[in-house]
């Protein structure tokens, strides 16, 4: 790991987290943005297996309506309790082949009185928050798309979206917006596949380029699926000195490497884990982090694999987090 790279990362971490705290202090009405949750079981401190677990109740065919959601940047810079993932587009420069624009995970909190799946879709349509936007996460879902209905029966999610979803956006853009919907819904154990309806009608394909819209799973989006997808912690999340890095991967020999750096860009923890699958098959990983000596303040995580061919770092995921030495709670300025 290059110290030059780490010091370059530290500047990004510092700038983003200072901006995060300033935004929290200056915007009392900011909507809270939170982390995702996946329930995992770790077999050792360096080798782990995990599967996502969320229990929900299936509902009838889509008949419910929601309020209009747009893809504007929401004022939600302050993470809090563990919640759900929402998936964005993110350019990863270290992708060895194919488009560098790949799916990336943000997160939101869960509130009472609404199903997690519906909440996740509404947050997806609302667009990335301030911090996600600052680190380059974007959405390919057009502004003004409304969630007209959502039902989940026998593992099939039927999501009914308004006609604005079909706005022309090129083959990649239209494929990507479907990927965002599918990744967001298939994080839940209740959902195996997704059918996308438009204005109350089932459709075999959607968009000006006729992208398939029935029976979709993550496997249908290999062109935009990153070989390492970190789902927790999310960018800017406040964690304690003990936390887990979780996600899915498809790497050589299932190896996933990681580095944790402090606010100065210095390495405070590093190592690797072995995911549940690799070498062409998708698996999950969970890495236990226990910082000693403890940190308090800005930090960053870097997750990657090392090329067996030339030793370069590939499929790198890196972003800032915030460490609260007392507990995984919000800084005072972000508390509601």
C-alpha atoms as a PDB file:
ATOM      1  CA  UNK A   1       0.000   0.000   0.000  1.00  0.00           C
ATOM      2  CA  UNK A   2       1.479   3.309  -1.073  1.00  0.00           C
ATOM      3  CA  UNK A   3       1.759   5.935   1.666  1.00  0.00           C
ATOM      4  CA  UNK A   4       1.426   8.555  -1.075  1.00  0.00           C
ATOM      5  CA  UNK A   5      -1.968   7.113  -1.918  1.00  0.00           C
ATOM      6  CA  UNK A   6      -2.988   7.132   1.728  1.00  0.00           C
ATOM      7  CA  UNK A   7      -1.999  10.747   2.265  1.00  0.00           C
ATOM      8  CA  UNK A   8      -3.880  11.696  -0.897  1.00  0.00           C
ATOM      9  CA  UNK A   9      -6.915   9.872   0.477  1.00  0.00           C
ATOM     10  CA  UNK A  10      -6.610  11.634   3.821  1.00  0.00           C
ATOM     11  CA  UNK A  11      -7.137  15.010   2.180  1.00  0.00           C
ATOM     12  CA  UNK A  12     -10.379  13.742   0.684  1.00  0.00           C
ATOM     13  CA  UNK A  13     -11.470  12.286   4.009  1.00  0.00           C
ATOM     14  CA  UNK A  14     -10.668  15.497   5.851  1.00  0.00           C
ATOM     15  CA  UNK A  15     -12.465  17.733   3.372  1.00  0.00           C
ATOM     16  CA  UNK A  16     -15.578  15.574   3.188  1.00  0.00           C
ATOM     17  CA  UNK A  17     -15.933  14.986   6.905  1.00  0.00           C
ATOM     18  CA  UNK A  18     -15.360  18.631   7.780  1.00  0.00           C
ATOM     19  CA  UNK A  19     -18.042  19.417   5.237  1.00  0.00           C
ATOM     20  CA  UNK A  20     -20.223  16.754   6.811  1.00  0.00           C
ATOM     21  CA  UNK A  21     -20.022  18.292  10.265  1.00  0.00           C
ATOM     22  CA  UNK A  22     -20.517  21.829   8.961  1.00  0.00           C
ATOM     23  CA  UNK A  23     -23.603  20.717   7.051  1.00  0.00           C
ATOM     24  CA  UNK A  24     -24.971  19.067  10.186  1.00  0.00           C
ATOM     25  CA  UNK A  25     -24.466  22.198  12.260  1.00  0.00           C
ATOM     26  CA  UNK A  26     -25.911  24.573   9.682  1.00  0.00           C
ATOM     27  CA  UNK A  27     -28.974  22.638   8.570  1.00  0.00           C
ATOM     28  CA  UNK A  28     -31.310  21.844  11.468  1.00  0.00           C
ATOM     29  CA  UNK A  29     -33.917  20.452   9.123  1.00  0.00           C
ATOM     30  CA  UNK A  30     -31.687  17.971   7.338  1.00  0.00           C
ATOM     31  CA  UNK A  31     -33.187  14.551   6.806  1.00  0.00           C
ATOM     32  CA  UNK A  32     -31.101  11.907   8.530  1.00  0.00           C
ATOM     33  CA  UNK A  33     -29.069   9.592   6.272  1.00  0.00           C
ATOM     34  CA  UNK A  34     -28.076   6.272   7.733  1.00  0.00           C
ATOM     35  CA  UNK A  35     -26.271   3.050   7.234  1.00  0.00           C
ATOM     36  CA  UNK A  36     -27.286  -0.284   5.898  1.00  0.00           C
ATOM     37  CA  UNK A  37     -27.636  -3.452   7.832  1.00  0.00           C
ATOM     38  CA  UNK A  38     -26.762  -6.979   6.910  1.00  0.00           C
ATOM     39  CA  UNK A  39     -26.820  -9.646   9.589  1.00  0.00           C
ATOM     40  CA  UNK A  40     -23.593 -11.605   9.346  1.00  0.00           C
ATOM     41  CA  UNK A  41     -21.693 -14.347  11.089  1.00  0.00           C
ATOM     42  CA  UNK A  42     -17.893 -14.197  11.181  1.00  0.00           C
ATOM     43  CA  UNK A  43     -15.943 -17.431  11.453  1.00  0.00           C
ATOM     44  CA  UNK A  44     -12.557 -15.846  12.295  1.00  0.00           C
ATOM     45  CA  UNK A  45     -11.142 -12.361  12.532  1.00  0.00           C
ATOM     46  CA  UNK A  46      -9.767 -12.618   9.002  1.00  0.00           C
ATOM     47  CA  UNK A  47     -12.034 -15.105   7.230  1.00  0.00           C
ATOM     48  CA  UNK A  48     -15.735 -14.612   7.234  1.00  0.00           C
ATOM     49  CA  UNK A  49     -19.000 -15.754   5.731  1.00  0.00           C
ATOM     50  CA  UNK A  50     -22.193 -13.808   5.646  1.00  0.00           C
ATOM     51  CA  UNK A  51     -25.623 -13.562   4.108  1.00  0.00           C
ATOM     52  CA  UNK A  52     -28.088 -10.689   4.158  1.00  0.00           C
ATOM     53  CA  UNK A  53     -31.137 -11.131   6.345  1.00  0.00           C
ATOM     54  CA  UNK A  54     -34.254  -8.991   6.325  1.00  0.00           C
ATOM     55  CA  UNK A  55     -37.732 -10.353   7.018  1.00  0.00           C
ATOM     56  CA  UNK A  56     -40.724  -8.688   5.445  1.00  0.00           C
ATOM     57  CA  UNK A  57     -44.322  -9.532   4.722  1.00  0.00           C
ATOM     58  CA  UNK A  58     -45.493 -10.004   1.158  1.00  0.00           C
ATOM     59  CA  UNK A  59     -48.238  -7.690  -0.008  1.00  0.00           C
ATOM     60  CA  UNK A  60     -50.865  -7.909  -2.763  1.00  0.00           C
ATOM     61  CA  UNK A  61     -50.351  -6.645  -6.311  1.00  0.00           C
ATOM     62  CA  UNK A  62     -49.345  -2.992  -6.523  1.00  0.00           C
ATOM     63  CA  UNK A  63     -52.293  -0.786  -5.722  1.00  0.00           C
ATOM     64  CA  UNK A  64     -50.876   1.752  -3.287  1.00  0.00           C
ATOM     65  CA  UNK A  65     -49.601   5.149  -4.333  1.00  0.00           C
ATOM     66  CA  UNK A  66     -46.803   7.273  -2.940  1.00  0.00           C
ATOM     67  CA  UNK A  67     -46.000  10.941  -3.129  1.00  0.00           C
ATOM     68  CA  UNK A  68     -43.853  12.249  -5.950  1.00  0.00           C
ATOM     69  CA  UNK A  69     -40.110  11.616  -5.631  1.00  0.00           C
ATOM     70  CA  UNK A  70     -37.394  13.293  -7.666  1.00  0.00           C
ATOM     71  CA  UNK A  71     -33.691  12.757  -8.163  1.00  0.00           C
ATOM     72  CA  UNK A  72     -32.608  16.042  -6.609  1.00  0.00           C
ATOM     73  CA  UNK A  73     -29.858  16.045  -3.992  1.00  0.00           C
ATOM     74  CA  UNK A  74     -31.443  15.715  -0.564  1.00  0.00           C
ATOM     75  CA  UNK A  75     -30.161  17.530   2.504  1.00  0.00           C
ATOM     76  CA  UNK A  76     -29.206  14.420   4.443  1.00  0.00           C
ATOM     77  CA  UNK A  77     -25.544  14.579   5.381  1.00  0.00           C
ATOM     78  CA  UNK A  78     -25.651  13.106   8.895  1.00  0.00           C
ATOM     79  CA  UNK A  79     -25.736   9.301   9.305  1.00  0.00           C
ATOM     80  CA  UNK A  80     -27.271   7.675  12.370  1.00  0.00           C
ATOM     81  CA  UNK A  81     -28.715   4.254  13.253  1.00  0.00           C
ATOM     82  CA  UNK A  82     -28.248   1.197  11.048  1.00  0.00           C
ATOM     83  CA  UNK A  83     -30.825   0.996   8.277  1.00  0.00           C
ATOM     84  CA  UNK A  84     -31.189   0.105   4.614  1.00  0.00           C
ATOM     85  CA  UNK A  85     -29.114   0.421   1.459  1.00  0.00           C
ATOM     86  CA  UNK A  86     -29.875   2.548  -1.572  1.00  0.00           C
ATOM     87  CA  UNK A  87     -27.755   2.064  -4.676  1.00  0.00           C
ATOM     88  CA  UNK A  88     -26.169   4.718  -6.869  1.00  0.00           C
ATOM     89  CA  UNK A  89     -23.821   5.029  -9.836  1.00  0.00           C
ATOM     90  CA  UNK A  90     -20.170   5.613  -8.958  1.00  0.00           C
ATOM     91  CA  UNK A  91     -17.051   5.817 -11.109  1.00  0.00           C
ATOM     92  CA  UNK A  92     -14.353   3.386  -9.924  1.00  0.00           C
ATOM     93  CA  UNK A  93     -11.152   4.197 -11.813  1.00  0.00           C
ATOM     94  CA  UNK A  94      -9.394   0.968 -10.816  1.00  0.00           C
ATOM     95  CA  UNK A  95     -11.838  -1.286 -12.689  1.00  0.00           C
ATOM     96  CA  UNK A  96      -9.531  -3.375 -14.932  1.00  0.00           C
ATOM     97  CA  UNK A  97     -12.069  -3.775 -17.783  1.00  0.00           C
ATOM     98  CA  UNK A  98     -15.445  -2.479 -18.897  1.00  0.00           C
ATOM     99  CA  UNK A  99     -17.203   0.717 -17.911  1.00  0.00           C
ATOM    100  CA  UNK A 100     -15.803   2.384 -14.764  1.00  0.00           C
ATOM    101  CA  UNK A 101     -19.331   3.407 -13.754  1.00  0.00           C
ATOM    102  CA  UNK A 102     -20.523   0.793 -11.268  1.00  0.00           C
ATOM    103  CA  UNK A 103     -23.195   0.281  -8.651  1.00  0.00           C
ATOM    104  CA  UNK A 104     -22.321   1.641  -5.188  1.00  0.00           C
ATOM    105  CA  UNK A 105     -24.152   1.571  -1.870  1.00  0.00           C
ATOM    106  CA  UNK A 106     -25.395   4.427   0.260  1.00  0.00           C
ATOM    107  CA  UNK A 107     -27.707   4.051   3.225  1.00  0.00           C
ATOM    108  CA  UNK A 108     -30.715   5.456   5.000  1.00  0.00           C
ATOM    109  CA  UNK A 109     -32.406   5.056   8.374  1.00  0.00           C
ATOM    110  CA  UNK A 110     -35.528   3.020   8.999  1.00  0.00           C
ATOM    111  CA  UNK A 111     -38.544   4.671  10.605  1.00  0.00           C
ATOM    112  CA  UNK A 112     -41.683   3.065  11.966  1.00  0.00           C
ATOM    113  CA  UNK A 113     -44.911   2.679  10.040  1.00  0.00           C
ATOM    114  CA  UNK A 114     -43.504   1.810   6.628  1.00  0.00           C
ATOM    115  CA  UNK A 115     -42.108  -1.360   5.068  1.00  0.00           C
ATOM    116  CA  UNK A 116     -38.339  -1.384   4.547  1.00  0.00           C
ATOM    117  CA  UNK A 117     -38.759  -2.208   0.857  1.00  0.00           C
ATOM    118  CA  UNK A 118     -41.071   0.732   0.238  1.00  0.00           C
ATOM    119  CA  UNK A 119     -38.880   3.071   2.256  1.00  0.00           C
ATOM    120  CA  UNK A 120     -35.840   1.965   0.263  1.00  0.00           C
ATOM    121  CA  UNK A 121     -37.595   2.655  -3.043  1.00  0.00           C
ATOM    122  CA  UNK A 122     -38.769   6.093  -1.913  1.00  0.00           C
ATOM    123  CA  UNK A 123     -35.253   7.007  -0.781  1.00  0.00           C
ATOM    124  CA  UNK A 124     -33.853   5.748  -4.085  1.00  0.00           C
ATOM    125  CA  UNK A 125     -36.198   7.965  -6.068  1.00  0.00           C
ATOM    126  CA  UNK A 126     -35.285  10.949  -3.846  1.00  0.00           C
ATOM    127  CA  UNK A 127     -31.671  10.769  -5.034  1.00  0.00           C
ATOM    128  CA  UNK A 128     -28.259  10.782  -3.329  1.00  0.00           C
ATOM    129  CA  UNK A 129     -27.668  12.915  -0.260  1.00  0.00           C
ATOM    130  CA  UNK A 130     -25.065  15.653   0.218  1.00  0.00           C
ATOM    131  CA  UNK A 131     -22.116  13.462   1.208  1.00  0.00           C
ATOM    132  CA  UNK A 132     -22.854  10.811  -1.411  1.00  0.00           C
ATOM    133  CA  UNK A 133     -22.943  13.551  -4.024  1.00  0.00           C
ATOM    134  CA  UNK A 134     -19.671  15.061  -2.786  1.00  0.00           C
ATOM    135  CA  UNK A 135     -17.807  11.771  -3.247  1.00  0.00           C
ATOM    136  CA  UNK A 136     -19.188  11.368  -6.764  1.00  0.00           C
ATOM    137  CA  UNK A 137     -22.220   9.121  -6.367  1.00  0.00           C
ATOM    138  CA  UNK A 138     -25.012   9.903  -8.826  1.00  0.00           C
ATOM    139  CA  UNK A 139     -28.304   8.458 -10.049  1.00  0.00           C
ATOM    140  CA  UNK A 140     -29.446   7.499 -13.519  1.00  0.00           C
ATOM    141  CA  UNK A 141     -33.119   7.602 -12.506  1.00  0.00           C
ATOM    142  CA  UNK A 142     -34.789  10.667 -14.059  1.00  0.00           C
ATOM    143  CA  UNK A 143     -36.237  13.356 -11.837  1.00  0.00           C
ATOM    144  CA  UNK A 144     -39.957  13.236 -11.165  1.00  0.00           C
ATOM    145  CA  UNK A 145     -40.351   9.446 -11.168  1.00  0.00           C
ATOM    146  CA  UNK A 146     -43.136   8.402  -8.786  1.00  0.00           C
ATOM    147  CA  UNK A 147     -43.558   5.117  -6.938  1.00  0.00           C
ATOM    148  CA  UNK A 148     -47.098   4.102  -7.865  1.00  0.00           C
ATOM    149  CA  UNK A 149     -47.094   0.722  -6.151  1.00  0.00           C
ATOM    150  CA  UNK A 150     -44.985  -2.089  -4.750  1.00  0.00           C
ATOM    151  CA  UNK A 151     -45.964  -5.677  -4.023  1.00  0.00           C
ATOM    152  CA  UNK A 152     -43.907  -8.724  -3.063  1.00  0.00           C
ATOM    153  CA  UNK A 153     -45.366 -12.188  -3.567  1.00  0.00           C
ATOM    154  CA  UNK A 154     -43.416 -15.468  -3.546  1.00  0.00           C
ATOM    155  CA  UNK A 155     -40.097 -13.656  -3.896  1.00  0.00           C
ATOM    156  CA  UNK A 156     -41.196 -11.550  -6.877  1.00  0.00           C
ATOM    157  CA  UNK A 157     -41.255  -7.790  -6.342  1.00  0.00           C
ATOM    158  CA  UNK A 158     -43.528  -5.875  -8.704  1.00  0.00           C
ATOM    159  CA  UNK A 159     -42.586  -2.212  -8.650  1.00  0.00           C
ATOM    160  CA  UNK A 160     -44.883   0.170 -10.503  1.00  0.00           C
ATOM    161  CA  UNK A 161     -43.217   3.419 -11.579  1.00  0.00           C
ATOM    162  CA  UNK A 162     -44.516   6.468 -13.419  1.00  0.00           C
ATOM    163  CA  UNK A 163     -43.781   7.036 -17.093  1.00  0.00           C
ATOM    164  CA  UNK A 164     -40.906   9.417 -16.396  1.00  0.00           C
ATOM    165  CA  UNK A 165     -38.796   6.325 -15.658  1.00  0.00           C
ATOM    166  CA  UNK A 166     -38.671   5.672 -19.423  1.00  0.00           C
ATOM    167  CA  UNK A 167     -37.027   8.985 -20.282  1.00  0.00           C
ATOM    168  CA  UNK A 168     -34.317   8.412 -22.872  1.00  0.00           C
ATOM    169  CA  UNK A 169     -30.878   8.055 -21.315  1.00  0.00           C
ATOM    170  CA  UNK A 170     -28.793   5.875 -23.612  1.00  0.00           C
ATOM    171  CA  UNK A 171     -28.383   2.112 -23.313  1.00  0.00           C
ATOM    172  CA  UNK A 172     -25.999   2.308 -20.342  1.00  0.00           C
ATOM    173  CA  UNK A 173     -28.049   4.913 -18.495  1.00  0.00           C
ATOM    174  CA  UNK A 174     -31.321   3.038 -18.968  1.00  0.00           C
ATOM    175  CA  UNK A 175     -29.700  -0.245 -17.946  1.00  0.00           C
ATOM    176  CA  UNK A 176     -28.166   1.424 -14.912  1.00  0.00           C
ATOM    177  CA  UNK A 177     -31.442   2.859 -13.639  1.00  0.00           C
ATOM    178  CA  UNK A 178     -32.943  -0.649 -13.687  1.00  0.00           C
ATOM    179  CA  UNK A 179     -29.854  -1.943 -11.864  1.00  0.00           C
ATOM    180  CA  UNK A 180     -30.362   0.663  -9.132  1.00  0.00           C
ATOM    181  CA  UNK A 181     -33.934  -0.524  -8.608  1.00  0.00           C
ATOM    182  CA  UNK A 182     -32.992  -4.211  -8.661  1.00  0.00           C
ATOM    183  CA  UNK A 183     -30.022  -3.872  -6.292  1.00  0.00           C
ATOM    184  CA  UNK A 184     -32.098  -1.785  -3.884  1.00  0.00           C
ATOM    185  CA  UNK A 185     -34.939  -4.320  -3.718  1.00  0.00           C
ATOM    186  CA  UNK A 186     -32.898  -7.538  -3.789  1.00  0.00           C
ATOM    187  CA  UNK A 187     -31.019  -6.580  -0.634  1.00  0.00           C
ATOM    188  CA  UNK A 188     -34.078  -7.930   1.179  1.00  0.00           C
ATOM    189  CA  UNK A 189     -34.552 -11.660   1.719  1.00  0.00           C
ATOM    190  CA  UNK A 190     -38.172 -11.233   0.647  1.00  0.00           C
ATOM    191  CA  UNK A 191     -37.117 -10.413  -2.930  1.00  0.00           C
ATOM    192  CA  UNK A 192     -35.509 -12.793  -5.431  1.00  0.00           C
ATOM    193  CA  UNK A 193     -36.458 -11.073  -8.687  1.00  0.00           C
ATOM    194  CA  UNK A 194     -37.981  -7.775  -9.768  1.00  0.00           C
ATOM    195  CA  UNK A 195     -40.609  -6.938 -12.404  1.00  0.00           C
ATOM    196  CA  UNK A 196     -40.819  -3.272 -13.405  1.00  0.00           C
ATOM    197  CA  UNK A 197     -44.239  -1.951 -14.421  1.00  0.00           C
ATOM    198  CA  UNK A 198     -44.928   1.470 -15.926  1.00  0.00           C
ATOM    199  CA  UNK A 199     -48.101   3.416 -15.102  1.00  0.00           C
ATOM    200  CA  UNK A 200     -49.889   0.316 -13.822  1.00  0.00           C
ATOM    201  CA  UNK A 201     -49.027  -1.927 -16.778  1.00  0.00           C
ATOM    202  CA  UNK A 202     -46.692  -4.918 -16.907  1.00  0.00           C
ATOM    203  CA  UNK A 203     -43.907  -4.445 -19.448  1.00  0.00           C
ATOM    204  CA  UNK A 204     -41.511  -6.919 -21.046  1.00  0.00           C
ATOM    205  CA  UNK A 205     -39.076  -4.068 -21.681  1.00  0.00           C
ATOM    206  CA  UNK A 206     -38.788  -0.399 -20.757  1.00  0.00           C
ATOM    207  CA  UNK A 207     -37.076   2.722 -22.026  1.00  0.00           C
ATOM    208  CA  UNK A 208     -36.264   3.930 -25.515  1.00  0.00           C
ATOM    209  CA  UNK A 209     -33.699   1.137 -25.873  1.00  0.00           C
ATOM    210  CA  UNK A 210     -36.015  -1.697 -24.831  1.00  0.00           C
ATOM    211  CA  UNK A 211     -34.161  -2.888 -21.720  1.00  0.00           C
ATOM    212  CA  UNK A 212     -35.712  -6.123 -20.315  1.00  0.00           C
ATOM    213  CA  UNK A 213     -37.906  -5.412 -17.297  1.00  0.00           C
ATOM    214  CA  UNK A 214     -39.232  -8.797 -16.118  1.00  0.00           C
ATOM    215  CA  UNK A 215     -37.683 -11.353 -13.768  1.00  0.00           C
ATOM    216  CA  UNK A 216     -34.618  -9.230 -13.059  1.00  0.00           C
ATOM    217  CA  UNK A 217     -31.897 -10.141 -10.570  1.00  0.00           C
ATOM    218  CA  UNK A 218     -28.413  -8.808  -9.824  1.00  0.00           C
ATOM    219  CA  UNK A 219     -26.993 -11.397 -12.220  1.00  0.00           C
ATOM    220  CA  UNK A 220     -28.580  -9.472 -15.107  1.00  0.00           C
ATOM    221  CA  UNK A 221     -26.327  -6.471 -14.504  1.00  0.00           C
ATOM    222  CA  UNK A 222     -22.806  -7.874 -14.674  1.00  0.00           C
ATOM    223  CA  UNK A 223     -21.651  -4.912 -16.802  1.00  0.00           C
ATOM    224  CA  UNK A 224     -22.276  -2.460 -13.961  1.00  0.00           C
ATOM    225  CA  UNK A 225     -21.859  -4.749 -10.952  1.00  0.00           C
ATOM    226  CA  UNK A 226     -18.573  -4.045  -9.149  1.00  0.00           C
ATOM    227  CA  UNK A 227     -16.394  -7.000  -8.204  1.00  0.00           C
ATOM    228  CA  UNK A 228     -16.261  -5.535  -4.682  1.00  0.00           C
ATOM    229  CA  UNK A 229     -19.401  -3.889  -3.331  1.00  0.00           C
ATOM    230  CA  UNK A 230     -19.184  -2.529   0.222  1.00  0.00           C
ATOM    231  CA  UNK A 231     -22.611  -2.222   1.850  1.00  0.00           C
ATOM    232  CA  UNK A 232     -21.522  -1.300   5.388  1.00  0.00           C
ATOM    233  CA  UNK A 233     -20.336   1.062   6.713  1.00  0.00           C
ATOM    234  CA  UNK A 234     -21.704   3.615   4.286  1.00  0.00           C
ATOM    235  CA  UNK A 235     -19.911   6.861   3.378  1.00  0.00           C
ATOM    236  CA  UNK A 236     -19.777   9.220   6.347  1.00  0.00           C
ATOM    237  CA  UNK A 237     -21.237   6.721   8.784  1.00  0.00           C
ATOM    238  CA  UNK A 238     -20.462   7.269  12.465  1.00  0.00           C
ATOM    239  CA  UNK A 239     -19.070   4.061  13.979  1.00  0.00           C
ATOM    240  CA  UNK A 240     -17.296   3.028  17.144  1.00  0.00           C
ATOM    241  CA  UNK A 241     -13.784   1.601  17.297  1.00  0.00           C
ATOM    242  CA  UNK A 242     -15.251  -1.852  16.793  1.00  0.00           C
ATOM    243  CA  UNK A 243     -17.261  -2.258  13.603  1.00  0.00           C
ATOM    244  CA  UNK A 244     -17.632  -4.506  10.574  1.00  0.00           C
ATOM    245  CA  UNK A 245     -16.905  -3.953   6.895  1.00  0.00           C
ATOM    246  CA  UNK A 246     -19.485  -5.952   4.945  1.00  0.00           C
ATOM    247  CA  UNK A 247     -20.390  -6.512   1.343  1.00  0.00           C
ATOM    248  CA  UNK A 248     -20.315  -8.852  -1.646  1.00  0.00           C
ATOM    249  CA  UNK A 249     -17.487  -9.729  -3.980  1.00  0.00           C
ATOM    250  CA  UNK A 250     -16.278 -11.871  -6.869  1.00  0.00           C
ATOM    251  CA  UNK A 251     -12.492 -11.759  -6.705  1.00  0.00           C
ATOM    252  CA  UNK A 252      -9.533 -14.004  -7.457  1.00  0.00           C
ATOM    253  CA  UNK A 253      -9.404 -16.787  -4.860  1.00  0.00           C
ATOM    254  CA  UNK A 254     -12.210 -14.916  -3.029  1.00  0.00           C
ATOM    255  CA  UNK A 255      -9.628 -12.626  -1.403  1.00  0.00           C
ATOM    256  CA  UNK A 256     -10.739  -9.178  -0.235  1.00  0.00           C
ATOM    257  CA  UNK A 257      -8.137  -6.835   1.242  1.00  0.00           C
ATOM    258  CA  UNK A 258      -8.769  -3.816   3.431  1.00  0.00           C
ATOM    259  CA  UNK A 259      -7.069  -0.834   5.035  1.00  0.00           C
ATOM    260  CA  UNK A 260      -8.375   1.550   7.691  1.00  0.00           C
ATOM    261  CA  UNK A 261      -6.647   4.942   7.864  1.00  0.00           C
ATOM    262  CA  UNK A 262      -6.885   7.789  10.337  1.00  0.00           C
ATOM    263  CA  UNK A 263      -7.570  11.421   9.477  1.00  0.00           C
ATOM    264  CA  UNK A 264      -3.905  11.930   8.558  1.00  0.00           C
ATOM    265  CA  UNK A 265      -3.972   9.067   6.082  1.00  0.00           C
ATOM    266  CA  UNK A 266      -1.851   6.744   8.222  1.00  0.00           C
ATOM    267  CA  UNK A 267      -2.674   3.036   8.339  1.00  0.00           C
ATOM    268  CA  UNK A 268      -4.242   1.973  11.646  1.00  0.00           C
ATOM    269  CA  UNK A 269      -5.470  -1.463  10.556  1.00  0.00           C
ATOM    270  CA  UNK A 270      -5.028  -3.655   7.504  1.00  0.00           C
ATOM    271  CA  UNK A 271      -5.480  -7.230   6.433  1.00  0.00           C
ATOM    272  CA  UNK A 272      -7.598  -9.491   4.269  1.00  0.00           C
ATOM    273  CA  UNK A 273     -10.523 -11.837   4.438  1.00  0.00           C
ATOM    274  CA  UNK A 274     -11.838 -14.681   2.314  1.00  0.00           C
ATOM    275  CA  UNK A 275     -15.349 -14.265   0.993  1.00  0.00           C
ATOM    276  CA  UNK A 276     -17.813 -17.130   0.725  1.00  0.00           C
ATOM    277  CA  UNK A 277     -17.112 -17.422  -3.021  1.00  0.00           C
ATOM    278  CA  UNK A 278     -14.926 -16.026  -5.777  1.00  0.00           C
ATOM    279  CA  UNK A 279     -13.233 -16.949  -9.079  1.00  0.00           C
ATOM    280  CA  UNK A 280     -16.345 -16.159 -11.112  1.00  0.00           C
ATOM    281  CA  UNK A 281     -18.921 -16.725  -8.380  1.00  0.00           C
ATOM    282  CA  UNK A 282     -20.426 -14.117  -6.088  1.00  0.00           C
ATOM    283  CA  UNK A 283     -19.945 -14.388  -2.342  1.00  0.00           C
ATOM    284  CA  UNK A 284     -20.290 -12.231   0.734  1.00  0.00           C
ATOM    285  CA  UNK A 285     -17.702 -11.018   3.205  1.00  0.00           C
ATOM    286  CA  UNK A 286     -17.629  -9.566   6.703  1.00  0.00           C
ATOM    287  CA  UNK A 287     -14.490  -8.146   8.320  1.00  0.00           C
ATOM    288  CA  UNK A 288     -14.266  -7.451  12.047  1.00  0.00           C
ATOM    289  CA  UNK A 289     -12.428  -4.204  12.826  1.00  0.00           C
ATOM    290  CA  UNK A 290     -11.253  -3.544  16.390  1.00  0.00           C
ATOM    291  CA  UNK A 291      -9.006  -0.478  16.515  1.00  0.00           C
ATOM    292  CA  UNK A 292      -6.347  -0.468  19.236  1.00  0.00           C
ATOM    293  CA  UNK A 293      -5.292   2.152  20.177  1.00  0.00           C
ATOM    294  CA  UNK A 294      -8.738   3.651  19.615  1.00  0.00           C
ATOM    295  CA  UNK A 295      -9.444   6.564  17.278  1.00  0.00           C
ATOM    296  CA  UNK A 296     -11.781   9.502  17.655  1.00  0.00           C
ATOM    297  CA  UNK A 297     -12.590  11.625  14.609  1.00  0.00           C
ATOM    298  CA  UNK A 298     -12.342  11.317  10.869  1.00  0.00           C
ATOM    299  CA  UNK A 299     -11.048   8.155   9.238  1.00  0.00           C
ATOM    300  CA  UNK A 300     -11.368   6.200   6.025  1.00  0.00           C
ATOM    301  CA  UNK A 301     -11.755   2.674   4.706  1.00  0.00           C
ATOM    302  CA  UNK A 302     -10.198   1.210   1.570  1.00  0.00           C
ATOM    303  CA  UNK A 303     -11.304  -2.196   0.261  1.00  0.00           C
ATOM    304  CA  UNK A 304      -9.662  -3.733  -2.808  1.00  0.00           C
ATOM    305  CA  UNK A 305      -8.015  -6.747  -4.403  1.00  0.00           C
ATOM    306  CA  UNK A 306      -4.438  -7.034  -5.598  1.00  0.00           C
ATOM    307  CA  UNK A 307      -3.882  -8.040  -9.196  1.00  0.00           C
ATOM    308  CA  UNK A 308      -2.203 -11.434  -9.487  1.00  0.00           C
ATOM    309  CA  UNK A 309      -0.738 -10.229 -12.784  1.00  0.00           C
ATOM    310  CA  UNK A 310       1.043  -7.001 -11.836  1.00  0.00           C
ATOM    311  CA  UNK A 311       0.390  -6.385  -8.127  1.00  0.00           C
ATOM    312  CA  UNK A 312      -1.736  -3.294  -8.711  1.00  0.00           C
ATOM    313  CA  UNK A 313      -4.773  -2.473  -6.591  1.00  0.00           C
ATOM    314  CA  UNK A 314      -8.002  -3.156  -8.449  1.00  0.00           C
ATOM    315  CA  UNK A 315     -11.709  -2.638  -7.820  1.00  0.00           C
ATOM    316  CA  UNK A 316     -10.837  -0.153  -5.087  1.00  0.00           C
ATOM    317  CA  UNK A 317     -13.644   1.155  -2.877  1.00  0.00           C
ATOM    318  CA  UNK A 318     -12.580   4.038  -0.632  1.00  0.00           C
ATOM    319  CA  UNK A 319     -14.466   6.689   1.294  1.00  0.00           C
ATOM    320  CA  UNK A 320     -14.536   8.574   4.602  1.00  0.00           C
ATOM    321  CA  UNK A 321     -16.196   7.487   7.817  1.00  0.00           C
ATOM    322  CA  UNK A 322     -16.346   9.102  11.251  1.00  0.00           C
ATOM    323  CA  UNK A 323     -15.249   7.328  14.425  1.00  0.00           C
ATOM    324  CA  UNK A 324     -16.839   8.209  17.762  1.00  0.00           C
ATOM    325  CA  UNK A 325     -14.663   6.756  20.513  1.00  0.00           C
ATOM    326  CA  UNK A 326     -17.548   6.652  22.983  1.00  0.00           C
ATOM    327  CA  UNK A 327     -20.012   4.745  20.784  1.00  0.00           C
ATOM    328  CA  UNK A 328     -21.540   4.584  17.320  1.00  0.00           C
ATOM    329  CA  UNK A 329     -23.567   7.742  17.845  1.00  0.00           C
ATOM    330  CA  UNK A 330     -23.963  11.055  16.084  1.00  0.00           C
ATOM    331  CA  UNK A 331     -21.752  14.065  16.820  1.00  0.00           C
ATOM    332  CA  UNK A 332     -23.663  16.575  18.964  1.00  0.00           C
ATOM    333  CA  UNK A 333     -24.191  18.949  16.025  1.00  0.00           C
ATOM    334  CA  UNK A 334     -25.982  16.202  14.079  1.00  0.00           C
ATOM    335  CA  UNK A 335     -28.269  15.041  16.886  1.00  0.00           C
ATOM    336  CA  UNK A 336     -31.966  15.725  16.372  1.00  0.00           C
END
